[in-house]
Structure formats: C-alpha cells, structure tokens
Amino acid sequence: MPSLNNVTPEVAVLSQTETSVSLALTIAADLDYFRGHFPDAPILAGVVQLDWAVKYAQQYLGFGKLVQDLEVLKFQVVTTPDMTVNLTLERNAKGKCLFSYHSDKGQHASGRIVFCD
C-alpha cells in the first residue's frame, strides 16, 4: 500500500477565541485522499473530515489526544477537489467539541466530538 504524503489542506485562521476557532481549508485536487475515492467523481471521505476536525480541535483549542465518542455525526453535502470550506470548532459548556464544515454550497458535515479527560 503506498504511503500518503500530500494529506493536509491549506489552512487559514479566520477568527479565534479561547473557546472557538474558524478555519478556511483549501482542499487541493492533488490531495492523496482523492486517489481512488472515486476516480470519475472524487469526494473527500467523511472519515478524513472527522480526522481534520479532531486534529484542529487539538491544535487550536487544546483538546486531549484521545477521542471517547462521536455524537450526532451528519454528512450533508459532499466535499470535492479544489473547494474551500470553513471549519468551525467550538468548545461547549459540557467540554465537548462541536464542529461544522460549510461553504457556499451549504453545510457539508457537523457533529460533536467527546474527548477523554
């Protein structure tokens, strides 16, 4: 199995507070995640979007390394090559991470991530 080398979108911070961050993710067509998923109509897999939400929640909001649970996970609009999507992450009052991806095409994905203490 070939290794994945080109797996990170270009990230720009749109706004940030102690409990939330809004990021613009530019998703290039040459990301390794698009290879074979699907050749005639490539889309970004939901598991990749979830992985990025976890990664950026840890990086920008200081969440722990381990995920305990996922809640109300929804994927509404597919994400395709050469898109820019906004990822909003927020720490709620219960310490969970709410995330949502959206663009001019609508809301792509949303949910809550429960991290271990």
PDB file of N, CA and C in Angstrom:
ATOM      1  N   MET A   1       0.843  -1.172   0.000  1.00  0.00           N
ATOM      2  CA  MET A   1       0.000   0.000   0.000  1.00  0.00           C
ATOM      3  C   MET A   1       0.895   1.245   0.000  1.00  0.00           C
ATOM      4  N   PRO A   2       0.671   2.179  -0.936  1.00  0.00           N
ATOM      5  CA  PRO A   2       1.519   3.370  -0.981  1.00  0.00           C
ATOM      6  C   PRO A   2       1.248   4.282   0.213  1.00  0.00           C
ATOM      7  N   SER A   3       2.297   4.982   0.630  1.00  0.00           N
ATOM      8  CA  SER A   3       2.127   5.901   1.755  1.00  0.00           C
ATOM      9  C   SER A   3       1.463   7.191   1.274  1.00  0.00           C
ATOM     10  N   LEU A   4       0.790   7.844   2.211  1.00  0.00           N
ATOM     11  CA  LEU A   4       0.141   9.111   1.915  1.00  0.00           C
ATOM     12  C   LEU A   4       1.080  10.241   2.313  1.00  0.00           C
ATOM     13  N   ASN A   5       1.387  11.125   1.372  1.00  0.00           N
ATOM     14  CA  ASN A   5       2.299  12.222   1.648  1.00  0.00           C
ATOM     15  C   ASN A   5       1.606  13.577   1.599  1.00  0.00           C
ATOM     16  N   ASN A   6       0.676  13.740   0.696  1.00  0.00           N
ATOM     17  CA  ASN A   6       0.003  15.016   0.492  1.00  0.00           C
ATOM     18  C   ASN A   6      -1.396  14.917   1.098  1.00  0.00           C
ATOM     19  N   VAL A   7      -1.494  15.181   2.406  1.00  0.00           N
ATOM     20  CA  VAL A   7      -2.748  14.912   3.107  1.00  0.00           C
ATOM     21  C   VAL A   7      -3.293  16.107   3.890  1.00  0.00           C
ATOM     22  N   THR A   8      -2.657  17.253   3.786  1.00  0.00           N
ATOM     23  CA  THR A   8      -3.066  18.396   4.596  1.00  0.00           C
ATOM     24  C   THR A   8      -3.585  19.522   3.714  1.00  0.00           C
ATOM     25  N   PRO A   9      -4.751  20.056   4.054  1.00  0.00           N
ATOM     26  CA  PRO A   9      -5.238  21.206   3.292  1.00  0.00           C
ATOM     27  C   PRO A   9      -4.452  22.460   3.676  1.00  0.00           C
ATOM     28  N   GLU A  10      -4.562  23.484   2.858  1.00  0.00           N
ATOM     29  CA  GLU A  10      -4.015  24.789   3.225  1.00  0.00           C
ATOM     30  C   GLU A  10      -4.978  25.399   4.241  1.00  0.00           C
ATOM     31  N   VAL A  11      -4.461  25.862   5.364  1.00  0.00           N
ATOM     32  CA  VAL A  11      -5.301  26.343   6.465  1.00  0.00           C
ATOM     33  C   VAL A  11      -5.053  27.825   6.716  1.00  0.00           C
ATOM     34  N   ALA A  12      -6.145  28.583   6.842  1.00  0.00           N
ATOM     35  CA  ALA A  12      -6.069  29.988   7.241  1.00  0.00           C
ATOM     36  C   ALA A  12      -7.035  30.200   8.401  1.00  0.00           C
ATOM     37  N   VAL A  13      -6.557  30.848   9.456  1.00  0.00           N
ATOM     38  CA  VAL A  13      -7.405  31.145  10.604  1.00  0.00           C
ATOM     39  C   VAL A  13      -8.240  32.378  10.274  1.00  0.00           C
ATOM     40  N   LEU A  14      -9.558  32.218  10.325  1.00  0.00           N
ATOM     41  CA  LEU A  14     -10.470  33.331  10.069  1.00  0.00           C
ATOM     42  C   LEU A  14     -10.766  34.100  11.343  1.00  0.00           C
ATOM     43  N   SER A  15     -10.943  33.382  12.455  1.00  0.00           N
ATOM     44  CA  SER A  15     -11.162  34.006  13.762  1.00  0.00           C
ATOM     45  C   SER A  15     -10.850  32.976  14.836  1.00  0.00           C
ATOM     46  N   GLN A  16     -10.509  33.472  16.027  1.00  0.00           N
ATOM     47  CA  GLN A  16     -10.189  32.557  17.122  1.00  0.00           C
ATOM     48  C   GLN A  16     -10.436  33.251  18.456  1.00  0.00           C
ATOM     49  N   THR A  17     -11.038  32.497  19.394  1.00  0.00           N
ATOM     50  CA  THR A  17     -11.192  32.921  20.782  1.00  0.00           C
ATOM     51  C   THR A  17     -10.673  31.778  21.640  1.00  0.00           C
ATOM     52  N   GLU A  18     -10.833  31.878  22.953  1.00  0.00           N
ATOM     53  CA  GLU A  18     -10.406  30.785  23.833  1.00  0.00           C
ATOM     54  C   GLU A  18     -11.229  29.528  23.629  1.00  0.00           C
ATOM     55  N   THR A  19     -12.489  29.678  23.188  1.00  0.00           N
ATOM     56  CA  THR A  19     -13.387  28.520  23.087  1.00  0.00           C
ATOM     57  C   THR A  19     -13.820  28.187  21.662  1.00  0.00           C
ATOM     58  N   SER A  20     -13.345  28.935  20.674  1.00  0.00           N
ATOM     59  CA  SER A  20     -13.759  28.622  19.302  1.00  0.00           C
ATOM     60  C   SER A  20     -12.706  29.074  18.295  1.00  0.00           C
ATOM     61  N   VAL A  21     -12.773  28.453  17.143  1.00  0.00           N
ATOM     62  CA  VAL A  21     -11.900  28.841  16.040  1.00  0.00           C
ATOM     63  C   VAL A  21     -12.648  28.582  14.735  1.00  0.00           C
ATOM     64  N   SER A  22     -12.426  29.461  13.772  1.00  0.00           N
ATOM     65  CA  SER A  22     -12.988  29.290  12.434  1.00  0.00           C
ATOM     66  C   SER A  22     -11.825  29.273  11.457  1.00  0.00           C
ATOM     67  N   LEU A  23     -11.757  28.202  10.671  1.00  0.00           N
ATOM     68  CA  LEU A  23     -10.654  27.986   9.744  1.00  0.00           C
ATOM     69  C   LEU A  23     -11.169  27.883   8.316  1.00  0.00           C
ATOM     70  N   ALA A  24     -10.428  28.440   7.377  1.00  0.00           N
ATOM     71  CA  ALA A  24     -10.699  28.219   5.955  1.00  0.00           C
ATOM     72  C   ALA A  24      -9.732  27.136   5.485  1.00  0.00           C
ATOM     73  N   LEU A  25     -10.281  26.035   4.970  1.00  0.00           N
ATOM     74  CA  LEU A  25      -9.466  24.928   4.475  1.00  0.00           C
ATOM     75  C   LEU A  25      -9.571  24.888   2.954  1.00  0.00           C
ATOM     76  N   THR A  26      -8.449  25.089   2.291  1.00  0.00           N
ATOM     77  CA  THR A  26      -8.404  24.983   0.841  1.00  0.00           C
ATOM     78  C   THR A  26      -7.973  23.562   0.510  1.00  0.00           C
ATOM     79  N   ILE A  27      -8.854  22.848  -0.158  1.00  0.00           N
ATOM     80  CA  ILE A  27      -8.674  21.417  -0.383  1.00  0.00           C
ATOM     81  C   ILE A  27      -8.249  21.191  -1.837  1.00  0.00           C
ATOM     82  N   ALA A  28      -6.966  21.026  -2.038  1.00  0.00           N
ATOM     83  CA  ALA A  28      -6.404  20.879  -3.377  1.00  0.00           C
ATOM     84  C   ALA A  28      -6.815  19.557  -4.025  1.00  0.00           C
ATOM     85  N   ALA A  29      -6.928  19.574  -5.330  1.00  0.00           N
ATOM     86  CA  ALA A  29      -7.323  18.380  -6.079  1.00  0.00           C
ATOM     87  C   ALA A  29      -6.277  17.274  -6.010  1.00  0.00           C
ATOM     88  N   ASP A  30      -5.024  17.630  -5.718  1.00  0.00           N
ATOM     89  CA  ASP A  30      -3.973  16.608  -5.700  1.00  0.00           C
ATOM     90  C   ASP A  30      -3.759  15.969  -4.328  1.00  0.00           C
ATOM     91  N   LEU A  31      -4.666  16.220  -3.361  1.00  0.00           N
ATOM     92  CA  LEU A  31      -4.548  15.531  -2.074  1.00  0.00           C
ATOM     93  C   LEU A  31      -4.628  14.022  -2.291  1.00  0.00           C
ATOM     94  N   ASP A  32      -3.792  13.296  -1.579  1.00  0.00           N
ATOM     95  CA  ASP A  32      -3.762  11.837  -1.719  1.00  0.00           C
ATOM     96  C   ASP A  32      -5.118  11.199  -1.415  1.00  0.00           C
ATOM     97  N   TYR A  33      -5.923  11.838  -0.562  1.00  0.00           N
ATOM     98  CA  TYR A  33      -7.221  11.268  -0.193  1.00  0.00           C
ATOM     99  C   TYR A  33      -8.181  11.134  -1.368  1.00  0.00           C
ATOM    100  N   PHE A  34      -7.957  11.870  -2.435  1.00  0.00           N
ATOM    101  CA  PHE A  34      -8.849  11.787  -3.597  1.00  0.00           C
ATOM    102  C   PHE A  34      -8.501  10.621  -4.524  1.00  0.00           C
ATOM    103  N   ARG A  35      -7.300  10.051  -4.376  1.00  0.00           N
ATOM    104  CA  ARG A  35      -6.891   8.933  -5.241  1.00  0.00           C
ATOM    105  C   ARG A  35      -7.795   7.729  -4.989  1.00  0.00           C
ATOM    106  N   GLY A  36      -8.524   7.321  -6.002  1.00  0.00           N
ATOM    107  CA  GLY A  36      -9.355   6.130  -5.906  1.00  0.00           C
ATOM    108  C   GLY A  36     -10.656   6.323  -5.150  1.00  0.00           C
ATOM    109  N   HIS A  37     -10.992   7.557  -4.787  1.00  0.00           N
ATOM    110  CA  HIS A  37     -12.218   7.791  -3.989  1.00  0.00           C
ATOM    111  C   HIS A  37     -13.029   8.929  -4.582  1.00  0.00           C
ATOM    112  N   PHE A  38     -13.631   8.861  -5.542  1.00  0.00           N
ATOM    113  CA  PHE A  38     -13.875   7.871  -6.584  1.00  0.00           C
ATOM    114  C   PHE A  38     -13.274   8.421  -7.874  1.00  0.00           C
ATOM    115  N   PRO A  39     -12.700   7.592  -8.736  1.00  0.00           N
ATOM    116  CA  PRO A  39     -11.939   8.084  -9.883  1.00  0.00           C
ATOM    117  C   PRO A  39     -12.723   9.028 -10.811  1.00  0.00           C
ATOM    118  N   ASP A  40     -13.978   8.742 -11.074  1.00  0.00           N
ATOM    119  CA  ASP A  40     -14.751   9.568 -12.009  1.00  0.00           C
ATOM    120  C   ASP A  40     -15.429  10.756 -11.335  1.00  0.00           C
ATOM    121  N   ALA A  41     -15.567  10.731 -10.040  1.00  0.00           N
ATOM    122  CA  ALA A  41     -16.209  11.817  -9.293  1.00  0.00           C
ATOM    123  C   ALA A  41     -15.624  11.852  -7.879  1.00  0.00           C
ATOM    124  N   PRO A  42     -14.384  12.348  -7.726  1.00  0.00           N
ATOM    125  CA  PRO A  42     -13.718  12.281  -6.426  1.00  0.00           C
ATOM    126  C   PRO A  42     -14.429  13.109  -5.351  1.00  0.00           C
ATOM    127  N   ILE A  43     -14.486  12.539  -4.144  1.00  0.00           N
ATOM    128  CA  ILE A  43     -15.038  13.240  -2.990  1.00  0.00           C
ATOM    129  C   ILE A  43     -14.110  13.015  -1.796  1.00  0.00           C
ATOM    130  N   LEU A  44     -14.168  13.922  -0.850  1.00  0.00           N
ATOM    131  CA  LEU A  44     -13.379  13.786   0.368  1.00  0.00           C
ATOM    132  C   LEU A  44     -14.166  12.935   1.354  1.00  0.00           C
ATOM    133  N   ALA A  45     -13.592  11.841   1.769  1.00  0.00           N
ATOM    134  CA  ALA A  45     -14.275  10.907   2.671  1.00  0.00           C
ATOM    135  C   ALA A  45     -14.619  11.575   4.000  1.00  0.00           C
ATOM    136  N   GLY A  46     -15.752  11.170   4.567  1.00  0.00           N
ATOM    137  CA  GLY A  46     -16.183  11.690   5.853  1.00  0.00           C
ATOM    138  C   GLY A  46     -15.182  11.422   6.955  1.00  0.00           C
ATOM    139  N   VAL A  47     -14.509  10.281   6.906  1.00  0.00           N
ATOM    140  CA  VAL A  47     -13.529   9.951   7.946  1.00  0.00           C
ATOM    141  C   VAL A  47     -12.354  10.934   7.915  1.00  0.00           C
ATOM    142  N   VAL A  48     -12.026  11.456   6.742  1.00  0.00           N
ATOM    143  CA  VAL A  48     -10.962  12.456   6.635  1.00  0.00           C
ATOM    144  C   VAL A  48     -11.429  13.770   7.256  1.00  0.00           C
ATOM    145  N   GLN A  49     -12.663  14.155   6.974  1.00  0.00           N
ATOM    146  CA  GLN A  49     -13.199  15.379   7.564  1.00  0.00           C
ATOM    147  C   GLN A  49     -13.228  15.271   9.086  1.00  0.00           C
ATOM    148  N   LEU A  50     -13.594  14.112   9.578  1.00  0.00           N
ATOM    149  CA  LEU A  50     -13.605  13.888  11.026  1.00  0.00           C
ATOM    150  C   LEU A  50     -12.187  13.954  11.591  1.00  0.00           C
ATOM    151  N   ASP A  51     -11.232  13.339  10.909  1.00  0.00           N
ATOM    152  CA  ASP A  51      -9.843  13.369  11.347  1.00  0.00           C
ATOM    153  C   ASP A  51      -9.329  14.805  11.428  1.00  0.00           C
ATOM    154  N   TRP A  52      -9.645  15.619  10.430  1.00  0.00           N
ATOM    155  CA  TRP A  52      -9.215  17.017  10.454  1.00  0.00           C
ATOM    156  C   TRP A  52      -9.884  17.778  11.594  1.00  0.00           C
ATOM    157  N   ALA A  53     -11.154  17.534  11.850  1.00  0.00           N
ATOM    158  CA  ALA A  53     -11.837  18.209  12.959  1.00  0.00           C
ATOM    159  C   ALA A  53     -11.149  17.874  14.282  1.00  0.00           C
ATOM    160  N   VAL A  54     -10.796  16.609  14.481  1.00  0.00           N
ATOM    161  CA  VAL A  54     -10.094  16.190  15.697  1.00  0.00           C
ATOM    162  C   VAL A  54      -8.733  16.875  15.774  1.00  0.00           C
ATOM    163  N   LYS A  55      -7.980  16.806  14.699  1.00  0.00           N
ATOM    164  CA  LYS A  55      -6.627  17.375  14.660  1.00  0.00           C
ATOM    165  C   LYS A  55      -6.636  18.869  14.967  1.00  0.00           C
ATOM    166  N   TYR A  56      -7.528  19.612  14.335  1.00  0.00           N
ATOM    167  CA  TYR A  56      -7.531  21.059  14.528  1.00  0.00           C
ATOM    168  C   TYR A  56      -8.152  21.449  15.870  1.00  0.00           C
ATOM    169  N   ALA A  57      -9.044  20.640  16.418  1.00  0.00           N
ATOM    170  CA  ALA A  57      -9.560  20.880  17.770  1.00  0.00           C
ATOM    171  C   ALA A  57      -8.427  20.727  18.786  1.00  0.00           C
ATOM    172  N   GLN A  58      -7.582  19.741  18.575  1.00  0.00           N
ATOM    173  CA  GLN A  58      -6.434  19.545  19.458  1.00  0.00           C
ATOM    174  C   GLN A  58      -5.436  20.694  19.306  1.00  0.00           C
ATOM    175  N   GLN A  59      -5.167  21.068  18.073  1.00  0.00           N
ATOM    176  CA  GLN A  59      -4.157  22.087  17.790  1.00  0.00           C
ATOM    177  C   GLN A  59      -4.587  23.483  18.249  1.00  0.00           C
ATOM    178  N   TYR A  60      -5.816  23.869  17.963  1.00  0.00           N
ATOM    179  CA  TYR A  60      -6.245  25.243  18.223  1.00  0.00           C
ATOM    180  C   TYR A  60      -6.988  25.435  19.538  1.00  0.00           C
ATOM    181  N   LEU A  61      -7.629  24.380  20.048  1.00  0.00           N
ATOM    182  CA  LEU A  61      -8.424  24.529  21.263  1.00  0.00           C
ATOM    183  C   LEU A  61      -7.912  23.700  22.433  1.00  0.00           C
ATOM    184  N   GLY A  62      -6.814  22.986  22.236  1.00  0.00           N
ATOM    185  CA  GLY A  62      -6.172  22.276  23.335  1.00  0.00           C
ATOM    186  C   GLY A  62      -6.894  21.034  23.832  1.00  0.00           C
ATOM    187  N   PHE A  63      -7.705  20.415  22.986  1.00  0.00           N
ATOM    188  CA  PHE A  63      -8.359  19.168  23.404  1.00  0.00           C
ATOM    189  C   PHE A  63      -7.321  18.060  23.527  1.00  0.00           C
ATOM    190  N   GLY A  64      -7.646  17.026  24.316  1.00  0.00           N
ATOM    191  CA  GLY A  64      -6.746  15.904  24.558  1.00  0.00           C
ATOM    192  C   GLY A  64      -6.499  15.057  23.324  1.00  0.00           C
ATOM    193  N   LYS A  65      -5.632  14.068  23.488  1.00  0.00           N
ATOM    194  CA  LYS A  65      -5.212  13.232  22.363  1.00  0.00           C
ATOM    195  C   LYS A  65      -6.207  12.143  21.995  1.00  0.00           C
ATOM    196  N   LEU A  66      -7.050  11.721  22.938  1.00  0.00           N
ATOM    197  CA  LEU A  66      -7.929  10.581  22.694  1.00  0.00           C
ATOM    198  C   LEU A  66      -9.391  10.995  22.557  1.00  0.00           C
ATOM    199  N   VAL A  67     -10.047  10.403  21.569  1.00  0.00           N
ATOM    200  CA  VAL A  67     -11.474  10.624  21.365  1.00  0.00           C
ATOM    201  C   VAL A  67     -12.235   9.508  22.074  1.00  0.00           C
ATOM    202  N   GLN A  68     -13.216   9.893  22.859  1.00  0.00           N
ATOM    203  CA  GLN A  68     -14.037   8.923  23.581  1.00  0.00           C
ATOM    204  C   GLN A  68     -15.286   8.546  22.802  1.00  0.00           C
ATOM    205  N   ASP A  69     -15.896   9.529  22.130  1.00  0.00           N
ATOM    206  CA  ASP A  69     -17.173   9.270  21.467  1.00  0.00           C
ATOM    207  C   ASP A  69     -17.429  10.322  20.393  1.00  0.00           C
ATOM    208  N   LEU A  70     -18.323   9.984  19.472  1.00  0.00           N
ATOM    209  CA  LEU A  70     -18.823  10.914  18.456  1.00  0.00           C
ATOM    210  C   LEU A  70     -20.326  10.976  18.606  1.00  0.00           C
ATOM    211  N   GLU A  71     -20.882  12.178  18.515  1.00  0.00           N
ATOM    212  CA  GLU A  71     -22.323  12.341  18.679  1.00  0.00           C
ATOM    213  C   GLU A  71     -22.888  13.133  17.508  1.00  0.00           C
ATOM    214  N   VAL A  72     -24.111  12.826  17.162  1.00  0.00           N
ATOM    215  CA  VAL A  72     -24.899  13.484  16.103  1.00  0.00           C
ATOM    216  C   VAL A  72     -24.070  13.807  14.850  1.00  0.00           C
ATOM    217  N   LEU A  73     -23.328  12.833  14.403  1.00  0.00           N
ATOM    218  CA  LEU A  73     -22.483  12.992  13.226  1.00  0.00           C
ATOM    219  C   LEU A  73     -23.349  12.985  11.975  1.00  0.00           C
ATOM    220  N   LYS A  74     -23.220  14.030  11.152  1.00  0.00           N
ATOM    221  CA  LYS A  74     -24.018  14.148   9.925  1.00  0.00           C
ATOM    222  C   LYS A  74     -23.131  14.610   8.778  1.00  0.00           C
ATOM    223  N   PHE A  75     -23.372  14.024   7.621  1.00  0.00           N
ATOM    224  CA  PHE A  75     -22.706  14.441   6.387  1.00  0.00           C
ATOM    225  C   PHE A  75     -23.804  14.800   5.402  1.00  0.00           C
ATOM    226  N   GLN A  76     -23.865  16.081   5.026  1.00  0.00           N
ATOM    227  CA  GLN A  76     -24.968  16.554   4.202  1.00  0.00           C
ATOM    228  C   GLN A  76     -24.595  16.801   2.741  1.00  0.00           C
ATOM    229  N   VAL A  77     -23.493  17.481   2.484  1.00  0.00           N
ATOM    230  CA  VAL A  77     -23.091  17.855   1.129  1.00  0.00           C
ATOM    231  C   VAL A  77     -21.665  17.362   0.911  1.00  0.00           C
ATOM    232  N   VAL A  78     -21.421  16.689  -0.207  1.00  0.00           N
ATOM    233  CA  VAL A  78     -20.076  16.156  -0.464  1.00  0.00           C
ATOM    234  C   VAL A  78     -19.074  17.291  -0.659  1.00  0.00           C
ATOM    235  N   THR A  79     -17.842  16.995  -0.267  1.00  0.00           N
ATOM    236  CA  THR A  79     -16.727  17.920  -0.449  1.00  0.00           C
ATOM    237  C   THR A  79     -15.886  17.389  -1.601  1.00  0.00           C
ATOM    238  N   THR A  80     -15.632  18.238  -2.574  1.00  0.00           N
ATOM    239  CA  THR A  80     -14.948  17.836  -3.798  1.00  0.00           C
ATOM    240  C   THR A  80     -13.616  18.577  -3.941  1.00  0.00           C
ATOM    241  N   PRO A  81     -12.773  18.133  -4.883  1.00  0.00           N
ATOM    242  CA  PRO A  81     -11.473  18.777  -5.082  1.00  0.00           C
ATOM    243  C   PRO A  81     -11.604  20.266  -5.407  1.00  0.00           C
ATOM    244  N   ASP A  82     -10.585  20.996  -5.031  1.00  0.00           N
ATOM    245  CA  ASP A  82     -10.455  22.437  -5.309  1.00  0.00           C
ATOM    246  C   ASP A  82     -11.536  23.285  -4.651  1.00  0.00           C
ATOM    247  N   MET A  83     -12.030  22.832  -3.516  1.00  0.00           N
ATOM    248  CA  MET A  83     -13.003  23.613  -2.750  1.00  0.00           C
ATOM    249  C   MET A  83     -12.296  24.294  -1.588  1.00  0.00           C
ATOM    250  N   THR A  84     -12.891  25.388  -1.143  1.00  0.00           N
ATOM    251  CA  THR A  84     -12.521  25.970   0.142  1.00  0.00           C
ATOM    252  C   THR A  84     -13.739  25.835   1.035  1.00  0.00           C
ATOM    253  N   VAL A  85     -13.546  25.201   2.180  1.00  0.00           N
ATOM    254  CA  VAL A  85     -14.622  25.035   3.153  1.00  0.00           C
ATOM    255  C   VAL A  85     -14.189  25.673   4.461  1.00  0.00           C
ATOM    256  N   ASN A  86     -15.156  26.172   5.194  1.00  0.00           N
ATOM    257  CA  ASN A  86     -14.882  26.722   6.516  1.00  0.00           C
ATOM    258  C   ASN A  86     -15.177  25.650   7.553  1.00  0.00           C
ATOM    259  N   LEU A  87     -14.236  25.463   8.450  1.00  0.00           N
ATOM    260  CA  LEU A  87     -14.397  24.544   9.567  1.00  0.00           C
ATOM    261  C   LEU A  87     -14.519  25.380  10.831  1.00  0.00           C
ATOM    262  N   THR A  88     -15.641  25.241  11.516  1.00  0.00           N
ATOM    263  CA  THR A  88     -15.851  25.938  12.778  1.00  0.00           C
ATOM    264  C   THR A  88     -15.800  24.913  13.900  1.00  0.00           C
ATOM    265  N   LEU A  89     -14.988  25.191  14.903  1.00  0.00           N
ATOM    266  CA  LEU A  89     -14.826  24.329  16.071  1.00  0.00           C
ATOM    267  C   LEU A  89     -15.145  25.149  17.305  1.00  0.00           C
ATOM    268  N   GLU A  90     -15.910  24.557  18.225  1.00  0.00           N
ATOM    269  CA  GLU A  90     -16.291  25.275  19.435  1.00  0.00           C
ATOM    270  C   GLU A  90     -16.322  24.326  20.630  1.00  0.00           C
ATOM    271  N   ARG A  91     -15.742  24.775  21.733  1.00  0.00           N
ATOM    272  CA  ARG A  91     -15.821  24.023  22.991  1.00  0.00           C
ATOM    273  C   ARG A  91     -17.103  24.474  23.685  1.00  0.00           C
ATOM    274  N   ASN A  92     -18.048  23.540  23.905  1.00  0.00           N
ATOM    275  CA  ASN A  92     -19.306  23.931  24.545  1.00  0.00           C
ATOM    276  C   ASN A  92     -19.181  23.862  26.069  1.00  0.00           C
ATOM    277  N   ALA A  93     -20.246  24.221  26.771  1.00  0.00           N
ATOM    278  CA  ALA A  93     -20.231  24.278  28.243  1.00  0.00           C
ATOM    279  C   ALA A  93     -19.962  22.917  28.878  1.00  0.00           C
ATOM    280  N   LYS A  94     -20.260  21.834  28.158  1.00  0.00           N
ATOM    281  CA  LYS A  94     -20.035  20.483  28.685  1.00  0.00           C
ATOM    282  C   LYS A  94     -18.654  19.941  28.325  1.00  0.00           C
ATOM    283  N   GLY A  95     -17.824  20.768  27.673  1.00  0.00           N
ATOM    284  CA  GLY A  95     -16.471  20.360  27.327  1.00  0.00           C
ATOM    285  C   GLY A  95     -16.370  19.531  26.057  1.00  0.00           C
ATOM    286  N   LYS A  96     -17.450  19.474  25.296  1.00  0.00           N
ATOM    287  CA  LYS A  96     -17.435  18.733  24.036  1.00  0.00           C
ATOM    288  C   LYS A  96     -17.052  19.689  22.906  1.00  0.00           C
ATOM    289  N   CYS A  97     -16.568  19.136  21.824  1.00  0.00           N
ATOM    290  CA  CYS A  97     -16.198  19.929  20.665  1.00  0.00           C
ATOM    291  C   CYS A  97     -17.281  19.823  19.594  1.00  0.00           C
ATOM    292  N   LEU A  98     -17.933  20.941  19.308  1.00  0.00           N
ATOM    293  CA  LEU A  98     -18.898  20.999  18.216  1.00  0.00           C
ATOM    294  C   LEU A  98     -18.138  21.405  16.964  1.00  0.00           C
ATOM    295  N   PHE A  99     -18.382  20.703  15.864  1.00  0.00           N
ATOM    296  CA  PHE A  99     -17.708  21.079  14.618  1.00  0.00           C
ATOM    297  C   PHE A  99     -18.722  21.156  13.484  1.00  0.00           C
ATOM    298  N   SER A 100     -18.411  22.008  12.518  1.00  0.00           N
ATOM    299  CA  SER A 100     -19.210  22.048  11.294  1.00  0.00           C
ATOM    300  C   SER A 100     -18.341  22.543  10.145  1.00  0.00           C
ATOM    301  N   TYR A 101     -18.557  21.923   9.009  1.00  0.00           N
ATOM    302  CA  TYR A 101     -17.926  22.326   7.757  1.00  0.00           C
ATOM    303  C   TYR A 101     -19.006  22.954   6.888  1.00  0.00           C
ATOM    304  N   HIS A 102     -18.702  24.109   6.299  1.00  0.00           N
ATOM    305  CA  HIS A 102     -19.664  24.722   5.401  1.00  0.00           C
ATOM    306  C   HIS A 102     -18.936  25.528   4.318  1.00  0.00           C
ATOM    307  N   SER A 103     -19.645  25.733   3.227  1.00  0.00           N
ATOM    308  CA  SER A 103     -19.131  26.534   2.111  1.00  0.00           C
ATOM    309  C   SER A 103     -20.329  27.193   1.441  1.00  0.00           C
ATOM    310  N   ASP A 104     -20.094  27.800   0.310  1.00  0.00           N
ATOM    311  CA  ASP A 104     -21.208  28.407  -0.420  1.00  0.00           C
ATOM    312  C   ASP A 104     -22.188  27.357  -0.950  1.00  0.00           C
ATOM    313  N   LYS A 105     -21.814  26.087  -0.904  1.00  0.00           N
ATOM    314  CA  LYS A 105     -22.719  25.005  -1.322  1.00  0.00           C
ATOM    315  C   LYS A 105     -23.606  24.513  -0.186  1.00  0.00           C
ATOM    316  N   GLY A 106     -23.374  25.014   1.038  1.00  0.00           N
ATOM    317  CA  GLY A 106     -24.178  24.607   2.182  1.00  0.00           C
ATOM    318  C   GLY A 106     -23.335  23.962   3.267  1.00  0.00           C
ATOM    319  N   GLN A 107     -24.012  23.308   4.197  1.00  0.00           N
ATOM    320  CA  GLN A 107     -23.314  22.618   5.279  1.00  0.00           C
ATOM    321  C   GLN A 107     -22.897  21.237   4.792  1.00  0.00           C
ATOM    322  N   HIS A 108     -21.610  20.950   4.940  1.00  0.00           N
ATOM    323  CA  HIS A 108     -21.057  19.682   4.464  1.00  0.00           C
ATOM    324  C   HIS A 108     -21.109  18.596   5.535  1.00  0.00           C
ATOM    325  N   ALA A 109     -20.769  18.950   6.754  1.00  0.00           N
ATOM    326  CA  ALA A 109     -20.718  17.967   7.835  1.00  0.00           C
ATOM    327  C   ALA A 109     -20.816  18.687   9.168  1.00  0.00           C
ATOM    328  N   SER A 110     -21.266  17.950  10.185  1.00  0.00           N
ATOM    329  CA  SER A 110     -21.325  18.521  11.524  1.00  0.00           C
ATOM    330  C   SER A 110     -21.395  17.390  12.546  1.00  0.00           C
ATOM    331  N   GLY A 111     -21.141  17.740  13.782  1.00  0.00           N
ATOM    332  CA  GLY A 111     -21.240  16.765  14.858  1.00  0.00           C
ATOM    333  C   GLY A 111     -20.576  17.266  16.125  1.00  0.00           C
ATOM    334  N   ARG A 112     -20.498  16.365  17.109  1.00  0.00           N
ATOM    335  CA  ARG A 112     -19.839  16.644  18.380  1.00  0.00           C
ATOM    336  C   ARG A 112     -18.797  15.563  18.618  1.00  0.00           C
ATOM    337  N   ILE A 113     -17.649  15.998  19.090  1.00  0.00           N
ATOM    338  CA  ILE A 113     -16.565  15.087  19.438  1.00  0.00           C
ATOM    339  C   ILE A 113     -16.390  15.140  20.949  1.00  0.00           C
ATOM    340  N   VAL A 114     -16.419  13.984  21.581  1.00  0.00           N
ATOM    341  CA  VAL A 114     -16.182  13.895  23.028  1.00  0.00           C
ATOM    342  C   VAL A 114     -14.771  13.371  23.207  1.00  0.00           C
ATOM    343  N   PHE A 115     -13.922  14.201  23.777  1.00  0.00           N
ATOM    344  CA  PHE A 115     -12.544  13.802  24.048  1.00  0.00           C
ATOM    345  C   PHE A 115     -12.432  13.224  25.459  1.00  0.00           C
ATOM    346  N   CYS A 116     -11.482  12.336  25.670  1.00  0.00           N
ATOM    347  CA  CYS A 116     -11.210  11.818  27.018  1.00  0.00           C
ATOM    348  C   CYS A 116     -10.596  12.931  27.842  1.00  0.00           C
ATOM    349  N   ASP A 117     -10.854  12.889  29.142  1.00  0.00           N
ATOM    350  CA  ASP A 117     -10.273  13.914  30.036  1.00  0.00           C
ATOM    351  C   ASP A 117      -8.792  13.754  30.184  1.00  0.00           C
TER     352      ASP A 117
END
